[in-house]
Amino acid sequence: EAAQRSVLERIAHLVRLPPEAAEPMQVLRYTTNQHYFYHTDTGGAPSIAGRALTVLLYLNDEFEGGGTNFALAGADEPRRNVYGVREEFDNCQTERGLTVRPRRGSVLLFYNLDPNSAAKSWWTWHCSADVVSGEKRAANLWYHLSLIRRAAERRRE
């Protein structure tokens, strides 16, 4: 518990947001041939619609594959349809866009909303590519717009 609290505080310092502005951490485990198709971290469900910032912590690197691919990195225009993205980019590939290779102890963060807005960014399609061998472990932390606002109100009181 103390180690997790320390990690959460370090991340909060990095993103300059209080720890209470984040949803509970979610730990992920992918084994051989497992992946996660293209998606955005904001969606229609109210519980995820306001995810302003994603922090992905890579917990190990003793595996093959498993990169995080951002299909639209370098693209001319965003795509607004998940089925079109999955068809165009073959559910999850690593040849186009930007692929981040997981390294133990590294952190990947990206914004899910348009700058200075609560509107969903359509540029953030990403996937976790197939684990070729071994086991990938990671953790997600999402900073939610409503929690950020609530924390800011408490600071003003």
Protein backbone atom coordinates (compact mmCIF):
# COMPACT_ATOMS: atom_id res chain seq x y z
CA GLU A 1 0.00 0.00 0.00
CA ALA A 2 2.79 2.47 0.86
CA ALA A 3 4.58 1.68 -2.41
CA GLN A 4 1.41 2.27 -4.43
CA ARG A 5 0.77 5.54 -2.58
CA SER A 6 4.34 6.63 -3.37
CA VAL A 7 3.84 5.84 -7.07
CA LEU A 8 0.53 7.71 -7.16
CA GLU A 9 2.12 10.75 -5.51
CA ARG A 10 5.04 10.74 -7.97
CA ILE A 11 2.65 10.53 -10.91
CA ALA A 12 0.48 13.31 -9.45
CA HIS A 13 3.60 15.47 -9.19
CA LEU A 14 4.50 14.65 -12.81
CA VAL A 15 1.06 15.55 -14.20
CA ARG A 16 0.59 18.41 -11.71
CA LEU A 17 -2.77 17.07 -10.53
CA PRO A 18 -3.73 15.81 -7.08
CA PRO A 19 -3.93 12.03 -6.61
CA GLU A 20 -7.64 12.27 -5.78
CA ALA A 21 -8.30 13.53 -9.34
CA ALA A 22 -7.58 10.02 -10.65
CA GLU A 23 -9.82 6.99 -10.91
CA PRO A 24 -8.58 3.92 -9.02
CA MET A 25 -5.57 2.31 -10.66
CA GLN A 26 -6.31 -0.66 -12.93
CA VAL A 27 -3.66 -3.38 -13.27
CA LEU A 28 -3.47 -5.20 -16.61
CA ARG A 29 -2.06 -8.58 -17.57
CA TYR A 30 -1.67 -9.83 -21.13
CA THR A 31 -0.34 -13.30 -21.95
CA THR A 32 0.79 -14.76 -25.27
CA ASN A 33 -1.53 -13.82 -28.17
CA GLN A 34 -3.54 -11.37 -26.07
CA HIS A 35 -4.03 -7.76 -27.11
CA TYR A 36 -6.47 -4.88 -26.79
CA PHE A 37 -8.10 -3.56 -29.99
CA TYR A 38 -8.03 0.13 -30.98
CA HIS A 39 -10.05 2.30 -28.66
CA THR A 40 -10.07 5.71 -27.05
CA ASP A 41 -10.12 6.13 -23.29
CA THR A 42 -13.20 8.34 -23.50
CA GLY A 43 -16.49 6.99 -24.70
CA GLY A 44 -20.23 7.22 -24.44
CA ALA A 45 -20.49 5.88 -20.90
CA PRO A 46 -20.62 8.73 -18.35
CA SER A 47 -18.06 6.97 -16.15
CA ILE A 48 -15.37 7.25 -18.85
CA ALA A 49 -16.56 10.22 -20.93
CA GLY A 50 -14.47 12.70 -18.97
CA ARG A 51 -11.13 10.91 -18.85
CA ALA A 52 -8.89 13.85 -19.53
CA LEU A 53 -5.51 12.19 -19.12
CA THR A 54 -4.27 8.60 -19.35
CA VAL A 55 -1.15 7.45 -17.54
CA LEU A 56 0.09 3.98 -18.50
CA LEU A 57 2.78 2.44 -16.31
CA TYR A 58 4.80 -0.43 -17.73
CA LEU A 59 5.52 -2.88 -14.93
CA ASN A 60 7.78 -5.31 -16.78
CA ASP A 61 9.54 -5.87 -20.10
CA GLU A 62 10.34 -9.60 -20.04
CA PHE A 63 8.10 -10.36 -23.02
CA GLU A 64 8.02 -10.02 -26.81
CA GLY A 65 5.54 -7.73 -28.60
CA GLY A 66 2.88 -5.90 -26.63
CA GLY A 67 3.70 -2.40 -27.89
CA THR A 68 1.22 0.44 -27.53
CA ASN A 69 0.33 1.77 -30.98
CA PHE A 70 -1.15 5.19 -31.74
CA ALA A 71 -2.47 4.64 -35.27
CA LEU A 72 -3.10 8.30 -36.12
CA ALA A 73 0.29 9.70 -35.11
CA GLY A 74 1.40 11.63 -38.18
CA ALA A 75 -2.01 11.34 -39.88
CA ASP A 76 -3.57 14.28 -41.70
CA GLU A 77 -7.00 14.01 -40.10
CA PRO A 78 -8.66 12.21 -37.19
CA ARG A 79 -11.04 9.28 -37.57
CA ARG A 80 -14.34 9.21 -35.68
CA ASN A 81 -15.45 5.61 -36.17
CA VAL A 82 -13.98 2.71 -34.21
CA TYR A 83 -14.94 0.16 -36.86
CA GLY A 84 -13.23 2.22 -39.55
CA VAL A 85 -10.09 2.56 -37.44
CA ARG A 86 -10.01 -1.16 -36.69
CA GLU A 87 -10.51 -2.01 -40.36
CA GLU A 88 -7.96 0.52 -41.64
CA PHE A 89 -5.34 -0.46 -39.07
CA ASP A 90 -6.10 -4.19 -38.82
CA ASN A 91 -7.47 -4.11 -35.23
CA CYS A 92 -3.97 -3.46 -33.84
CA GLN A 93 -0.75 -3.15 -35.82
CA THR A 94 2.69 -1.66 -35.19
CA GLU A 95 3.90 -0.63 -38.65
CA ARG A 96 1.97 2.66 -38.99
CA GLY A 97 1.61 5.55 -36.60
CA LEU A 98 3.67 5.50 -33.41
CA THR A 99 4.44 2.35 -31.43
CA VAL A 100 5.78 2.66 -27.89
CA ARG A 101 7.81 -0.33 -26.73
CA PRO A 102 7.07 -1.12 -23.09
CA ARG A 103 10.06 -0.74 -20.76
CA ARG A 104 9.86 -1.65 -17.10
CA GLY A 105 9.42 1.42 -14.94
CA SER A 106 8.56 3.77 -17.81
CA VAL A 107 5.40 5.84 -17.98
CA LEU A 108 3.40 6.83 -21.04
CA LEU A 109 0.92 9.66 -20.70
CA PHE A 110 -1.43 11.24 -23.19
CA TYR A 111 -4.42 13.57 -23.21
CA ASN A 112 -7.84 12.28 -24.27
CA LEU A 113 -9.62 15.62 -24.67
CA ASP A 114 -9.02 18.44 -27.10
CA PRO A 115 -6.83 21.22 -25.64
CA ASN A 116 -8.68 23.59 -23.30
CA SER A 117 -11.88 21.66 -23.83
CA ALA A 118 -14.06 18.86 -22.50
CA ALA A 119 -14.52 17.54 -26.06
CA LYS A 120 -13.22 14.10 -26.91
CA SER A 121 -10.04 14.04 -28.96
CA TRP A 122 -10.39 11.76 -31.97
CA TRP A 123 -6.60 11.54 -32.36
CA THR A 124 -6.02 9.21 -29.41
CA TRP A 125 -6.94 5.83 -30.94
CA HIS A 126 -4.53 3.33 -29.45
CA CYS A 127 -4.15 -0.38 -28.94
CA SER A 128 -1.99 -2.88 -27.12
CA ALA A 129 -0.47 -5.16 -29.75
CA ASP A 130 -0.26 -8.94 -29.42
CA VAL A 131 2.09 -10.31 -26.83
CA VAL A 132 4.20 -12.72 -28.90
CA SER A 133 5.67 -14.51 -25.91
CA GLY A 134 5.78 -14.03 -22.16
CA GLU A 135 3.49 -11.92 -20.02
CA LYS A 136 2.99 -8.15 -20.17
CA ARG A 137 2.00 -6.32 -16.99
CA ALA A 138 0.96 -2.69 -16.88
CA ALA A 139 -1.26 -0.35 -14.90
CA ASN A 140 -3.64 2.38 -16.06
CA LEU A 141 -4.42 5.54 -14.21
CA TRP A 142 -7.02 7.93 -15.58
CA TYR A 143 -7.40 11.52 -14.46
CA HIS A 144 -11.07 12.34 -14.80
CA LEU A 145 -12.31 15.84 -15.63
CA SER A 146 -15.01 15.80 -12.92
CA LEU A 147 -12.47 14.70 -10.30
CA ILE A 148 -10.01 17.37 -11.44
CA ARG A 149 -12.72 20.02 -11.07
CA ARG A 150 -13.75 18.69 -7.64
CA ALA A 151 -10.14 18.76 -6.43
CA ALA A 152 -9.74 22.34 -7.70
CA GLU A 153 -12.89 23.41 -5.83
CA ARG A 154 -11.55 21.88 -2.61
CA ARG A 155 -8.26 23.77 -2.99
CA ARG A 156 -10.20 27.05 -3.31
CA GLU A 157 -12.18 26.43 -0.10
